[in-house]
C-alpha atoms as a PDB file:
ATOM      1  CA  UNK A   1     -36.939  -5.755  89.228  1.00  0.00           C
ATOM      2  CA  UNK A   2     -33.909  -7.166  87.431  1.00  0.00           C
ATOM      3  CA  UNK A   3     -34.463  -8.229  83.869  1.00  0.00           C
ATOM      4  CA  UNK A   4     -32.164 -10.045  81.500  1.00  0.00           C
ATOM      5  CA  UNK A   5     -31.553  -8.850  77.941  1.00  0.00           C
ATOM      6  CA  UNK A   6     -31.030 -11.700  75.464  1.00  0.00           C
ATOM      7  CA  UNK A   7     -29.273 -11.044  72.142  1.00  0.00           C
ATOM      8  CA  UNK A   8     -29.598 -13.161  69.012  1.00  0.00           C
ATOM      9  CA  UNK A   9     -28.128 -12.896  65.516  1.00  0.00           C
ATOM     10  CA  UNK A  10     -29.883 -13.958  62.337  1.00  0.00           C
ATOM     11  CA  UNK A  11     -29.775 -13.192  58.634  1.00  0.00           C
ATOM     12  CA  UNK A  12     -33.472 -13.946  58.046  1.00  0.00           C
ATOM     13  CA  UNK A  13     -35.992 -11.199  58.861  1.00  0.00           C
ATOM     14  CA  UNK A  14     -38.923 -13.461  57.955  1.00  0.00           C
ATOM     15  CA  UNK A  15     -37.880 -15.949  60.630  1.00  0.00           C
ATOM     16  CA  UNK A  16     -37.332 -13.153  63.149  1.00  0.00           C
ATOM     17  CA  UNK A  17     -40.840 -11.870  62.458  1.00  0.00           C
ATOM     18  CA  UNK A  18     -42.300 -15.315  63.189  1.00  0.00           C
ATOM     19  CA  UNK A  19     -40.066 -15.513  66.282  1.00  0.00           C
ATOM     20  CA  UNK A  20     -41.421 -12.181  67.546  1.00  0.00           C
ATOM     21  CA  UNK A  21     -45.036 -13.151  66.856  1.00  0.00           C
ATOM     22  CA  UNK A  22     -44.602 -16.411  68.771  1.00  0.00           C
ATOM     23  CA  UNK A  23     -43.018 -14.599  71.723  1.00  0.00           C
ATOM     24  CA  UNK A  24     -45.845 -12.063  71.813  1.00  0.00           C
ATOM     25  CA  UNK A  25     -48.489 -14.793  71.604  1.00  0.00           C
ATOM     26  CA  UNK A  26     -46.784 -16.532  74.535  1.00  0.00           C
ATOM     27  CA  UNK A  27     -46.947 -13.398  76.720  1.00  0.00           C
ATOM     28  CA  UNK A  28     -43.895 -11.244  75.962  1.00  0.00           C
ATOM     29  CA  UNK A  29     -45.033  -7.680  75.227  1.00  0.00           C
ATOM     30  CA  UNK A  30     -43.972  -5.770  72.099  1.00  0.00           C
ATOM     31  CA  UNK A  31     -41.911  -3.081  73.927  1.00  0.00           C
ATOM     32  CA  UNK A  32     -39.704  -5.882  75.274  1.00  0.00           C
ATOM     33  CA  UNK A  33     -38.626  -6.999  71.778  1.00  0.00           C
ATOM     34  CA  UNK A  34     -36.427  -5.121  69.276  1.00  0.00           C
ATOM     35  CA  UNK A  35     -34.590  -5.676  66.015  1.00  0.00           C
ATOM     36  CA  UNK A  36     -31.389  -3.814  65.195  1.00  0.00           C
ATOM     37  CA  UNK A  37     -30.317  -3.870  61.578  1.00  0.00           C
ATOM     38  CA  UNK A  38     -28.390  -1.753  59.136  1.00  0.00           C
ATOM     39  CA  UNK A  39     -31.166  -2.412  56.589  1.00  0.00           C
ATOM     40  CA  UNK A  40     -34.047  -0.319  57.906  1.00  0.00           C
ATOM     41  CA  UNK A  41     -35.708  -0.338  54.465  1.00  0.00           C
ATOM     42  CA  UNK A  42     -36.120  -4.113  54.717  1.00  0.00           C
ATOM     43  CA  UNK A  43     -37.834  -3.690  58.084  1.00  0.00           C
ATOM     44  CA  UNK A  44     -40.540  -1.677  56.341  1.00  0.00           C
ATOM     45  CA  UNK A  45     -41.641  -4.915  54.661  1.00  0.00           C
ATOM     46  CA  UNK A  46     -41.949  -6.618  58.056  1.00  0.00           C
ATOM     47  CA  UNK A  47     -44.619  -4.603  59.813  1.00  0.00           C
ATOM     48  CA  UNK A  48     -44.633  -6.820  62.887  1.00  0.00           C
ATOM     49  CA  UNK A  49     -40.952  -6.359  63.770  1.00  0.00           C
ATOM     50  CA  UNK A  50     -40.300  -3.725  66.414  1.00  0.00           C
ATOM     51  CA  UNK A  51     -37.295  -1.680  65.272  1.00  0.00           C
ATOM     52  CA  UNK A  52     -34.747   0.075  67.446  1.00  0.00           C
ATOM     53  CA  UNK A  53     -35.394   3.833  67.424  1.00  0.00           C
ATOM     54  CA  UNK A  54     -32.742   5.956  65.721  1.00  0.00           C
ATOM     55  CA  UNK A  55     -31.732   7.756  68.908  1.00  0.00           C
ATOM     56  CA  UNK A  56     -31.155   4.418  70.635  1.00  0.00           C
ATOM     57  CA  UNK A  57     -28.730   3.302  67.902  1.00  0.00           C
ATOM     58  CA  UNK A  58     -26.345   6.060  68.945  1.00  0.00           C
ATOM     59  CA  UNK A  59     -24.820   6.519  72.400  1.00  0.00           C
ATOM     60  CA  UNK A  60     -26.510   9.896  72.999  1.00  0.00           C
ATOM     61  CA  UNK A  61     -28.250   9.107  76.286  1.00  0.00           C
ATOM     62  CA  UNK A  62     -25.350   7.232  77.884  1.00  0.00           C
ATOM     63  CA  UNK A  63     -22.826   9.910  76.872  1.00  0.00           C
ATOM     64  CA  UNK A  64     -25.153  12.723  77.990  1.00  0.00           C
ATOM     65  CA  UNK A  65     -25.404  11.064  81.412  1.00  0.00           C
ATOM     66  CA  UNK A  66     -21.608  10.856  81.606  1.00  0.00           C
ATOM     67  CA  UNK A  67     -21.456  14.531  80.574  1.00  0.00           C
ATOM     68  CA  UNK A  68     -23.961  15.324  83.320  1.00  0.00           C
ATOM     69  CA  UNK A  69     -21.706  13.641  85.895  1.00  0.00           C
ATOM     70  CA  UNK A  70     -18.835  15.837  84.726  1.00  0.00           C
ATOM     71  CA  UNK A  71     -21.228  18.803  84.832  1.00  0.00           C
ATOM     72  CA  UNK A  72     -22.209  18.088  88.425  1.00  0.00           C
ATOM     73  CA  UNK A  73     -18.525  18.046  89.361  1.00  0.00           C
ATOM     74  CA  UNK A  74     -18.026  21.386  87.556  1.00  0.00           C
ATOM     75  CA  UNK A  75     -21.162  22.714  89.292  1.00  0.00           C
ATOM     76  CA  UNK A  76     -19.822  21.831  92.737  1.00  0.00           C
ATOM     77  CA  UNK A  77     -16.338  23.085  91.869  1.00  0.00           C
ATOM     78  CA  UNK A  78     -17.622  26.470  90.643  1.00  0.00           C
ATOM     79  CA  UNK A  79     -19.725  27.035  93.749  1.00  0.00           C
ATOM     80  CA  UNK A  80     -16.940  25.826  96.063  1.00  0.00           C
ATOM     81  CA  UNK A  81     -14.333  28.099  94.499  1.00  0.00           C
ATOM     82  CA  UNK A  82     -16.720  31.055  94.702  1.00  0.00           C
ATOM     83  CA  UNK A  83     -17.528  30.366  98.361  1.00  0.00           C
ATOM     84  CA  UNK A  84     -14.003  29.649  99.611  1.00  0.00           C
ATOM     85  CA  UNK A  85     -12.565  32.594  97.676  1.00  0.00           C
ATOM     86  CA  UNK A  86     -15.042  34.898  99.398  1.00  0.00           C
ATOM     87  CA  UNK A  87     -16.523  36.067  96.102  1.00  0.00           C
ATOM     88  CA  UNK A  88     -20.038  35.326  97.329  1.00  0.00           C
ATOM     89  CA  UNK A  89     -19.637  37.994 100.022  1.00  0.00           C
ATOM     90  CA  UNK A  90     -19.431  40.766  97.408  1.00  0.00           C
ATOM     91  CA  UNK A  91     -22.395  42.861  96.262  1.00  0.00           C
ATOM     92  CA  UNK A  92     -23.115  40.360  93.468  1.00  0.00           C
ATOM     93  CA  UNK A  93     -23.695  37.563  95.989  1.00  0.00           C
ATOM     94  CA  UNK A  94     -24.393  33.996  94.901  1.00  0.00           C
ATOM     95  CA  UNK A  95     -26.416  34.725  91.764  1.00  0.00           C
ATOM     96  CA  UNK A  96     -23.640  34.914  89.115  1.00  0.00           C
ATOM     97  CA  UNK A  97     -21.907  31.828  90.511  1.00  0.00           C
ATOM     98  CA  UNK A  98     -25.095  29.785  90.625  1.00  0.00           C
ATOM     99  CA  UNK A  99     -25.771  30.862  87.039  1.00  0.00           C
ATOM    100  CA  UNK A 100     -22.220  29.896  86.034  1.00  0.00           C
ATOM    101  CA  UNK A 101     -22.609  26.510  87.745  1.00  0.00           C
ATOM    102  CA  UNK A 102     -25.895  25.845  85.907  1.00  0.00           C
ATOM    103  CA  UNK A 103     -24.308  26.817  82.590  1.00  0.00           C
ATOM    104  CA  UNK A 104     -21.382  24.445  83.256  1.00  0.00           C
ATOM    105  CA  UNK A 105     -23.784  21.608  84.072  1.00  0.00           C
ATOM    106  CA  UNK A 106     -25.882  22.206  80.964  1.00  0.00           C
ATOM    107  CA  UNK A 107     -22.878  22.621  78.689  1.00  0.00           C
ATOM    108  CA  UNK A 108     -21.236  19.419  79.929  1.00  0.00           C
ATOM    109  CA  UNK A 109     -24.444  17.436  79.467  1.00  0.00           C
ATOM    110  CA  UNK A 110     -24.932  18.872  75.974  1.00  0.00           C
ATOM    111  CA  UNK A 111     -21.329  18.141  74.962  1.00  0.00           C
ATOM    112  CA  UNK A 112     -21.656  14.594  76.265  1.00  0.00           C
ATOM    113  CA  UNK A 113     -24.741  14.108  74.089  1.00  0.00           C
ATOM    114  CA  UNK A 114     -22.952  15.525  71.044  1.00  0.00           C
ATOM    115  CA  UNK A 115     -20.047  13.189  71.661  1.00  0.00           C
ATOM    116  CA  UNK A 116     -22.501  10.282  71.906  1.00  0.00           C
ATOM    117  CA  UNK A 117     -24.037  11.048  68.505  1.00  0.00           C
ATOM    118  CA  UNK A 118     -20.713  10.079  66.958  1.00  0.00           C
ATOM    119  CA  UNK A 119     -20.561   6.634  68.594  1.00  0.00           C
ATOM    120  CA  UNK A 120     -22.758   3.557  68.345  1.00  0.00           C
ATOM    121  CA  UNK A 121     -24.714   2.668  71.466  1.00  0.00           C
ATOM    122  CA  UNK A 122     -22.330   1.048  73.931  1.00  0.00           C
ATOM    123  CA  UNK A 123     -24.696  -1.941  74.231  1.00  0.00           C
ATOM    124  CA  UNK A 124     -24.571  -2.565  70.478  1.00  0.00           C
ATOM    125  CA  UNK A 125     -20.905  -1.801  69.754  1.00  0.00           C
ATOM    126  CA  UNK A 126     -19.982  -5.492  69.953  1.00  0.00           C
ATOM    127  CA  UNK A 127     -22.359  -6.248  67.069  1.00  0.00           C
ATOM    128  CA  UNK A 128     -20.836  -3.836  64.532  1.00  0.00           C
ATOM    129  CA  UNK A 129     -19.164  -6.617  62.545  1.00  0.00           C
ATOM    130  CA  UNK A 130     -22.347  -8.690  62.412  1.00  0.00           C
ATOM    131  CA  UNK A 131     -24.267  -5.645  61.163  1.00  0.00           C
ATOM    132  CA  UNK A 132     -21.594  -5.034  58.506  1.00  0.00           C
ATOM    133  CA  UNK A 133     -22.017  -8.686  57.458  1.00  0.00           C
ATOM    134  CA  UNK A 134     -25.739  -7.994  56.784  1.00  0.00           C
ATOM    135  CA  UNK A 135     -26.923  -9.800  59.895  1.00  0.00           C
ATOM    136  CA  UNK A 136     -29.758  -8.614  62.126  1.00  0.00           C
ATOM    137  CA  UNK A 137     -29.605  -8.333  65.910  1.00  0.00           C
ATOM    138  CA  UNK A 138     -32.753  -9.476  67.680  1.00  0.00           C
ATOM    139  CA  UNK A 139     -32.953  -8.748  71.386  1.00  0.00           C
ATOM    140  CA  UNK A 140     -35.509  -8.886  74.144  1.00  0.00           C
ATOM    141  CA  UNK A 141     -35.728  -7.866  77.781  1.00  0.00           C
ATOM    142  CA  UNK A 142     -37.263 -10.643  79.845  1.00  0.00           C
ATOM    143  CA  UNK A 143     -38.464 -10.880  83.407  1.00  0.00           C
ATOM    144  CA  UNK A 144     -37.317 -13.997  85.284  1.00  0.00           C
ATOM    145  CA  UNK A 145     -40.698 -15.720  84.877  1.00  0.00           C
ATOM    146  CA  UNK A 146     -40.551 -15.236  81.072  1.00  0.00           C
ATOM    147  CA  UNK A 147     -37.288 -17.140  80.569  1.00  0.00           C
ATOM    148  CA  UNK A 148     -39.152 -20.430  80.042  1.00  0.00           C
ATOM    149  CA  UNK A 149     -41.191 -18.815  77.241  1.00  0.00           C
ATOM    150  CA  UNK A 150     -37.999 -17.928  75.406  1.00  0.00           C
ATOM    151  CA  UNK A 151     -36.566 -21.423  75.709  1.00  0.00           C
ATOM    152  CA  UNK A 152     -39.794 -22.988  74.462  1.00  0.00           C
ATOM    153  CA  UNK A 153     -40.115 -20.678  71.437  1.00  0.00           C
ATOM    154  CA  UNK A 154     -36.396 -20.800  70.618  1.00  0.00           C
ATOM    155  CA  UNK A 155     -36.578 -24.549  69.950  1.00  0.00           C
ATOM    156  CA  UNK A 156     -38.500 -23.898  66.717  1.00  0.00           C
ATOM    157  CA  UNK A 157     -35.862 -21.438  65.440  1.00  0.00           C
ATOM    158  CA  UNK A 158     -32.561 -23.351  65.115  1.00  0.00           C
ATOM    159  CA  UNK A 159     -31.057 -20.824  62.680  1.00  0.00           C
ATOM    160  CA  UNK A 160     -31.240 -18.030  65.274  1.00  0.00           C
ATOM    161  CA  UNK A 161     -27.828 -17.806  66.943  1.00  0.00           C
ATOM    162  CA  UNK A 162     -27.467 -16.825  70.602  1.00  0.00           C
ATOM    163  CA  UNK A 163     -25.207 -13.774  70.992  1.00  0.00           C
ATOM    164  CA  UNK A 164     -25.140 -13.202  74.727  1.00  0.00           C
ATOM    165  CA  UNK A 165     -27.031 -11.694  77.632  1.00  0.00           C
ATOM    166  CA  UNK A 166     -26.709  -8.722  79.949  1.00  0.00           C
ATOM    167  CA  UNK A 167     -28.614  -7.266  82.872  1.00  0.00           C
ATOM    168  CA  UNK A 168     -31.320  -4.751  82.005  1.00  0.00           C
ATOM    169  CA  UNK A 169     -32.091  -2.475  84.944  1.00  0.00           C
ATOM    170  CA  UNK A 170     -34.668  -0.187  83.338  1.00  0.00           C
ATOM    171  CA  UNK A 171     -37.871  -2.068  84.121  1.00  0.00           C
ATOM    172  CA  UNK A 172     -39.574   1.301  84.677  1.00  0.00           C
ATOM    173  CA  UNK A 173     -38.877   2.240  81.041  1.00  0.00           C
ATOM    174  CA  UNK A 174     -40.654  -0.859  79.735  1.00  0.00           C
ATOM    175  CA  UNK A 175     -43.626  -0.219  81.989  1.00  0.00           C
ATOM    176  CA  UNK A 176     -43.788   3.347  80.684  1.00  0.00           C
ATOM    177  CA  UNK A 177     -43.689   2.086  77.078  1.00  0.00           C
ATOM    178  CA  UNK A 178     -46.544  -0.311  77.834  1.00  0.00           C
ATOM    179  CA  UNK A 179     -48.734   2.260  79.591  1.00  0.00           C
ATOM    180  CA  UNK A 180     -48.413   5.242  77.229  1.00  0.00           C
ATOM    181  CA  UNK A 181     -50.196   3.608  74.259  1.00  0.00           C
ATOM    182  CA  UNK A 182     -52.836   2.195  76.594  1.00  0.00           C
ATOM    183  CA  UNK A 183     -53.352   5.678  78.108  1.00  0.00           C
ATOM    184  CA  UNK A 184     -53.962   7.241  74.701  1.00  0.00           C
ATOM    185  CA  UNK A 185     -56.142   4.361  73.569  1.00  0.00           C
ATOM    186  CA  UNK A 186     -58.361   4.603  76.661  1.00  0.00           C
ATOM    187  CA  UNK A 187     -58.364   8.408  76.841  1.00  0.00           C
ATOM    188  CA  UNK A 188     -59.033   9.151  73.162  1.00  0.00           C
ATOM    189  CA  UNK A 189     -60.721   6.104  71.645  1.00  0.00           C
END
């Protein structure tokens, strides 16, 4: 299912907390709502705001995936060179070349992740100036039938500035985030 991610900018965490509470009371679940700020200490005073996890502030996952794509190419290249050169017909066989290909895949993925640690998340890079200006980025991932909820709640928050939208294709991730706490709550009460 295609979801739409809505971004907003505000300089008032108290208002954003009320905004989040109203959205949740109207039917938007907590894992769908996040606040990105450079003032994490201030978020500690707003227990209801759902902060962006540290790993998601950096581009680790996206860069690791790009590294994995490079690694798959290196994997295929290593095995192809070994096969077409006739090296697999020796006494060693395929084993050292398969091992080399796996090492190349793992190394490329790891390097991609290390490269990503140095960069802000590619989804949040456009908000760097707003974060430097002590603003807070409030975003939510909404299903098509939840768009009306947003519009209704947004009317009571005129100081919250719209900052754009983008497609969010990871509906499975939100479902996972909803079900894990419920699993532990029902399994170990």
